[in-house]
Amino acid sequence: MAIVGGGQEEIGWRGVLQPALTWHLGRWAGAVLAGVVWFCWHLPLWWTPGAVQQHIPMAAFAAFCIGFSLLVQRGFEVTGGSVLLAVWLHALNNASAVWLVFYSSASNQPPIGSWVLGTAYLAVGIVVMMARYGGESTNSGASAETTRDCRSVD
């Protein structure tokens, strides 16, 4: 369920949207904007009865979405543009989120696990991007494998 329940969406987010944004805006801005769009896509779930997002603070989820996008951006470049990495990370997140979000907090308290997960993804995403690229904002050094398919979007 972890892959089927969310991983398939990575084909669109990381296989189409994020490479296109990265091609046009650069790796940092493209990855961050993909995370923001991904977060906004999930916004209606906070008002959907029974959705897991009702148990997660919006800001923690936004941090997760942006951090995940940064982490996947670096993963894309290491793997030559593999969407499978994003699917695997999404599945890993879904599996770990069950424990972190629901079992790590008292039922009457804000779920501290959400903040741990969101902050961890954001911190790791920033660190892996900074370690490789620093503040570089252009895609001038982007892997041809990662951006090649997006050139036809123009």
C-alpha atoms as a PDB file:
ATOM      1  CA  MET A   1       0.000   0.000   0.000  1.00  0.00           C
ATOM      2  CA  ALA A   2       2.901   2.372   0.652  1.00  0.00           C
ATOM      3  CA  ILE A   3       3.853   2.445  -3.039  1.00  0.00           C
ATOM      4  CA  VAL A   4       0.361   2.118  -4.504  1.00  0.00           C
ATOM      5  CA  GLY A   5      -1.005   4.636  -1.999  1.00  0.00           C
ATOM      6  CA  GLY A   6       1.218   7.467  -3.129  1.00  0.00           C
ATOM      7  CA  GLY A   7       4.288   6.354  -4.997  1.00  0.00           C
ATOM      8  CA  GLN A   8       2.542   6.312  -8.360  1.00  0.00           C
ATOM      9  CA  GLU A   9       2.034  10.068  -8.185  1.00  0.00           C
ATOM     10  CA  GLU A  10       5.808  10.479  -8.445  1.00  0.00           C
ATOM     11  CA  ILE A  11       5.609   9.668 -12.154  1.00  0.00           C
ATOM     12  CA  GLY A  12       3.890  13.025 -12.668  1.00  0.00           C
ATOM     13  CA  TRP A  13       5.611  15.073  -9.976  1.00  0.00           C
ATOM     14  CA  ARG A  14       9.178  13.866 -10.453  1.00  0.00           C
ATOM     15  CA  GLY A  15       8.984  12.406 -13.938  1.00  0.00           C
ATOM     16  CA  VAL A  16       7.357  15.434 -15.587  1.00  0.00           C
ATOM     17  CA  LEU A  17       6.860  18.516 -13.388  1.00  0.00           C
ATOM     18  CA  GLN A  18      10.117  18.725 -11.474  1.00  0.00           C
ATOM     19  CA  PRO A  19      12.443  18.131 -14.461  1.00  0.00           C
ATOM     20  CA  ALA A  20      10.513  20.742 -16.483  1.00  0.00           C
ATOM     21  CA  LEU A  21      10.703  23.301 -13.675  1.00  0.00           C
ATOM     22  CA  THR A  22      14.365  22.553 -13.095  1.00  0.00           C
ATOM     23  CA  TRP A  23      15.113  22.957 -16.794  1.00  0.00           C
ATOM     24  CA  HIS A  24      13.450  26.385 -16.886  1.00  0.00           C
ATOM     25  CA  LEU A  25      14.251  27.743 -13.415  1.00  0.00           C
ATOM     26  CA  GLY A  26      17.410  25.951 -12.296  1.00  0.00           C
ATOM     27  CA  ARG A  27      17.850  23.108  -9.848  1.00  0.00           C
ATOM     28  CA  TRP A  28      17.155  25.004  -6.620  1.00  0.00           C
ATOM     29  CA  ALA A  29      14.135  27.043  -7.735  1.00  0.00           C
ATOM     30  CA  GLY A  30      12.731  24.187  -9.801  1.00  0.00           C
ATOM     31  CA  ALA A  31      12.936  21.721  -6.922  1.00  0.00           C
ATOM     32  CA  VAL A  32      11.481  24.177  -4.391  1.00  0.00           C
ATOM     33  CA  LEU A  33       8.631  25.178  -6.719  1.00  0.00           C
ATOM     34  CA  ALA A  34       7.854  21.503  -7.415  1.00  0.00           C
ATOM     35  CA  GLY A  35       7.610  21.005  -3.631  1.00  0.00           C
ATOM     36  CA  VAL A  36       5.288  23.998  -3.251  1.00  0.00           C
ATOM     37  CA  VAL A  37       3.041  22.788  -6.090  1.00  0.00           C
ATOM     38  CA  TRP A  38       3.017  19.282  -4.607  1.00  0.00           C
ATOM     39  CA  PHE A  39       2.035  20.732  -1.210  1.00  0.00           C
ATOM     40  CA  CYS A  40      -0.756  22.827  -2.754  1.00  0.00           C
ATOM     41  CA  TRP A  41      -2.090  19.769  -4.587  1.00  0.00           C
ATOM     42  CA  HIS A  42      -2.596  18.114  -1.186  1.00  0.00           C
ATOM     43  CA  LEU A  43      -4.306  21.125   0.475  1.00  0.00           C
ATOM     44  CA  PRO A  44      -7.900  19.844  -0.020  1.00  0.00           C
ATOM     45  CA  LEU A  45      -7.027  16.784   2.070  1.00  0.00           C
ATOM     46  CA  TRP A  46      -7.018  18.899   5.258  1.00  0.00           C
ATOM     47  CA  TRP A  47     -10.765  19.272   4.758  1.00  0.00           C
ATOM     48  CA  THR A  48     -11.412  15.711   3.568  1.00  0.00           C
ATOM     49  CA  PRO A  49     -12.855  13.514   6.337  1.00  0.00           C
ATOM     50  CA  GLY A  50     -10.568  10.589   7.130  1.00  0.00           C
ATOM     51  CA  ALA A  51      -7.523  11.940   5.267  1.00  0.00           C
ATOM     52  CA  VAL A  52      -4.195  11.504   7.052  1.00  0.00           C
ATOM     53  CA  GLN A  53      -3.401  15.186   6.470  1.00  0.00           C
ATOM     54  CA  GLN A  54      -5.975  16.121   9.109  1.00  0.00           C
ATOM     55  CA  HIS A  55      -3.449  14.850  11.674  1.00  0.00           C
ATOM     56  CA  ILE A  56      -0.471  16.733  10.249  1.00  0.00           C
ATOM     57  CA  PRO A  57       0.268  20.451  10.716  1.00  0.00           C
ATOM     58  CA  MET A  58       0.257  22.153   7.296  1.00  0.00           C
ATOM     59  CA  ALA A  59       3.642  23.792   7.836  1.00  0.00           C
ATOM     60  CA  ALA A  60       5.242  20.436   8.693  1.00  0.00           C
ATOM     61  CA  PHE A  61       3.801  18.925   5.524  1.00  0.00           C
ATOM     62  CA  ALA A  62       5.004  21.903   3.465  1.00  0.00           C
ATOM     63  CA  ALA A  63       8.517  21.444   4.895  1.00  0.00           C
ATOM     64  CA  PHE A  64       8.353  17.765   3.972  1.00  0.00           C
ATOM     65  CA  CYS A  65       7.203  18.490   0.394  1.00  0.00           C
ATOM     66  CA  ILE A  66       9.966  21.014  -0.249  1.00  0.00           C
ATOM     67  CA  GLY A  67      12.645  18.911   1.444  1.00  0.00           C
ATOM     68  CA  PHE A  68      11.541  15.806  -0.442  1.00  0.00           C
ATOM     69  CA  SER A  69      11.752  17.694  -3.740  1.00  0.00           C
ATOM     70  CA  LEU A  70      15.284  18.902  -2.943  1.00  0.00           C
ATOM     71  CA  LEU A  71      16.370  15.405  -1.963  1.00  0.00           C
ATOM     72  CA  VAL A  72      14.873  13.891  -5.098  1.00  0.00           C
ATOM     73  CA  GLN A  73      16.532  16.577  -7.254  1.00  0.00           C
ATOM     74  CA  ARG A  74      19.928  15.450  -6.054  1.00  0.00           C
ATOM     75  CA  GLY A  75      18.881  11.816  -6.425  1.00  0.00           C
ATOM     76  CA  PHE A  76      17.840  12.494 -10.024  1.00  0.00           C
ATOM     77  CA  GLU A  77      21.259  13.797 -10.853  1.00  0.00           C
ATOM     78  CA  VAL A  78      23.032  10.876  -9.195  1.00  0.00           C
ATOM     79  CA  THR A  79      20.847   8.256 -10.909  1.00  0.00           C
ATOM     80  CA  GLY A  80      20.578   9.929 -14.315  1.00  0.00           C
ATOM     81  CA  GLY A  81      16.936  10.947 -13.826  1.00  0.00           C
ATOM     82  CA  SER A  82      15.405   7.809 -12.270  1.00  0.00           C
ATOM     83  CA  VAL A  83      11.840   8.257 -11.045  1.00  0.00           C
ATOM     84  CA  LEU A  84      12.141   4.929  -9.207  1.00  0.00           C
ATOM     85  CA  LEU A  85      14.176   6.657  -6.502  1.00  0.00           C
ATOM     86  CA  ALA A  86      11.311   9.072  -5.882  1.00  0.00           C
ATOM     87  CA  VAL A  87       8.803   6.191  -5.782  1.00  0.00           C
ATOM     88  CA  TRP A  88      10.994   4.333  -3.284  1.00  0.00           C
ATOM     89  CA  LEU A  89      11.477   7.416  -1.080  1.00  0.00           C
ATOM     90  CA  HIS A  90       7.738   8.113  -1.168  1.00  0.00           C
ATOM     91  CA  ALA A  91       7.011   4.533  -0.095  1.00  0.00           C
ATOM     92  CA  LEU A  92       9.631   4.755   2.662  1.00  0.00           C
ATOM     93  CA  ASN A  93       8.104   8.013   3.835  1.00  0.00           C
ATOM     94  CA  ASN A  94       4.582   6.584   3.877  1.00  0.00           C
ATOM     95  CA  ALA A  95       5.724   3.568   5.882  1.00  0.00           C
ATOM     96  CA  SER A  96       7.717   5.617   8.405  1.00  0.00           C
ATOM     97  CA  ALA A  97       5.080   8.336   8.645  1.00  0.00           C
ATOM     98  CA  VAL A  98       2.608   5.880  10.146  1.00  0.00           C
ATOM     99  CA  TRP A  99       4.844   5.527  13.175  1.00  0.00           C
ATOM    100  CA  LEU A 100       6.148   9.085  13.325  1.00  0.00           C
ATOM    101  CA  VAL A 101       2.806  10.797  12.872  1.00  0.00           C
ATOM    102  CA  PHE A 102       0.411   8.528  14.709  1.00  0.00           C
ATOM    103  CA  TYR A 103       2.385   6.611  17.312  1.00  0.00           C
ATOM    104  CA  SER A 104       4.911   9.176  18.474  1.00  0.00           C
ATOM    105  CA  SER A 105       2.468  11.628  20.062  1.00  0.00           C
ATOM    106  CA  ALA A 106      -0.313  11.594  22.612  1.00  0.00           C
ATOM    107  CA  SER A 107      -3.707  11.743  20.955  1.00  0.00           C
ATOM    108  CA  ASN A 108      -4.518  15.181  22.385  1.00  0.00           C
ATOM    109  CA  GLN A 109      -1.183  16.725  21.377  1.00  0.00           C
ATOM    110  CA  PRO A 110       0.032  18.020  18.025  1.00  0.00           C
ATOM    111  CA  PRO A 111       1.871  15.171  16.327  1.00  0.00           C
ATOM    112  CA  ILE A 112       5.538  15.845  17.059  1.00  0.00           C
ATOM    113  CA  GLY A 113       6.430  13.106  14.597  1.00  0.00           C
ATOM    114  CA  SER A 114       5.097  15.261  11.746  1.00  0.00           C
ATOM    115  CA  TRP A 115       7.489  18.007  12.677  1.00  0.00           C
ATOM    116  CA  VAL A 116      10.361  15.532  13.002  1.00  0.00           C
ATOM    117  CA  LEU A 117       9.666  14.069   9.564  1.00  0.00           C
ATOM    118  CA  GLY A 118       9.070  17.412   7.827  1.00  0.00           C
ATOM    119  CA  THR A 119      12.099  19.066   9.399  1.00  0.00           C
ATOM    120  CA  ALA A 120      14.322  16.064   8.698  1.00  0.00           C
ATOM    121  CA  TYR A 121      13.413  15.970   5.004  1.00  0.00           C
ATOM    122  CA  LEU A 122      13.893  19.715   4.667  1.00  0.00           C
ATOM    123  CA  ALA A 123      17.261  19.653   6.464  1.00  0.00           C
ATOM    124  CA  VAL A 124      18.563  16.647   4.522  1.00  0.00           C
ATOM    125  CA  GLY A 125      17.324  18.091   1.226  1.00  0.00           C
ATOM    126  CA  ILE A 126      19.101  21.380   1.858  1.00  0.00           C
ATOM    127  CA  VAL A 127      22.287  19.674   3.043  1.00  0.00           C
ATOM    128  CA  VAL A 128      22.593  17.360   0.016  1.00  0.00           C
ATOM    129  CA  MET A 129      21.940  20.220  -2.384  1.00  0.00           C
ATOM    130  CA  MET A 130      24.331  22.608  -0.586  1.00  0.00           C
ATOM    131  CA  ALA A 131      27.019  19.934  -0.354  1.00  0.00           C
ATOM    132  CA  ARG A 132      26.943  19.474  -4.118  1.00  0.00           C
ATOM    133  CA  TYR A 133      25.895  22.848  -5.524  1.00  0.00           C
ATOM    134  CA  GLY A 134      26.119  25.521  -2.843  1.00  0.00           C
ATOM    135  CA  GLY A 135      23.964  28.467  -3.864  1.00  0.00           C
ATOM    136  CA  GLU A 136      24.130  27.704  -7.589  1.00  0.00           C
ATOM    137  CA  SER A 137      20.697  28.487  -8.985  1.00  0.00           C
ATOM    138  CA  THR A 138      21.060  27.739 -12.655  1.00  0.00           C
ATOM    139  CA  ASN A 139      20.832  24.406 -14.366  1.00  0.00           C
ATOM    140  CA  SER A 140      24.065  25.015 -16.235  1.00  0.00           C
ATOM    141  CA  GLY A 141      25.644  21.964 -14.641  1.00  0.00           C
ATOM    142  CA  ALA A 142      22.506  19.844 -14.657  1.00  0.00           C
ATOM    143  CA  SER A 143      22.823  16.375 -16.003  1.00  0.00           C
ATOM    144  CA  ALA A 144      21.770  16.106 -19.621  1.00  0.00           C
ATOM    145  CA  GLU A 145      19.976  12.902 -18.641  1.00  0.00           C
ATOM    146  CA  THR A 146      17.863  14.820 -16.117  1.00  0.00           C
ATOM    147  CA  THR A 147      16.835  17.673 -18.389  1.00  0.00           C
ATOM    148  CA  ARG A 148      16.944  16.232 -21.900  1.00  0.00           C
ATOM    149  CA  ASP A 149      13.280  15.219 -22.022  1.00  0.00           C
ATOM    150  CA  CYS A 150      12.061  18.630 -20.841  1.00  0.00           C
ATOM    151  CA  ARG A 151      13.456  20.565 -23.805  1.00  0.00           C
ATOM    152  CA  SER A 152      10.406  19.689 -25.877  1.00  0.00           C
ATOM    153  CA  VAL A 153       8.192  21.486 -23.326  1.00  0.00           C
ATOM    154  CA  ASP A 154       9.227  24.923 -24.673  1.00  0.00           C
END
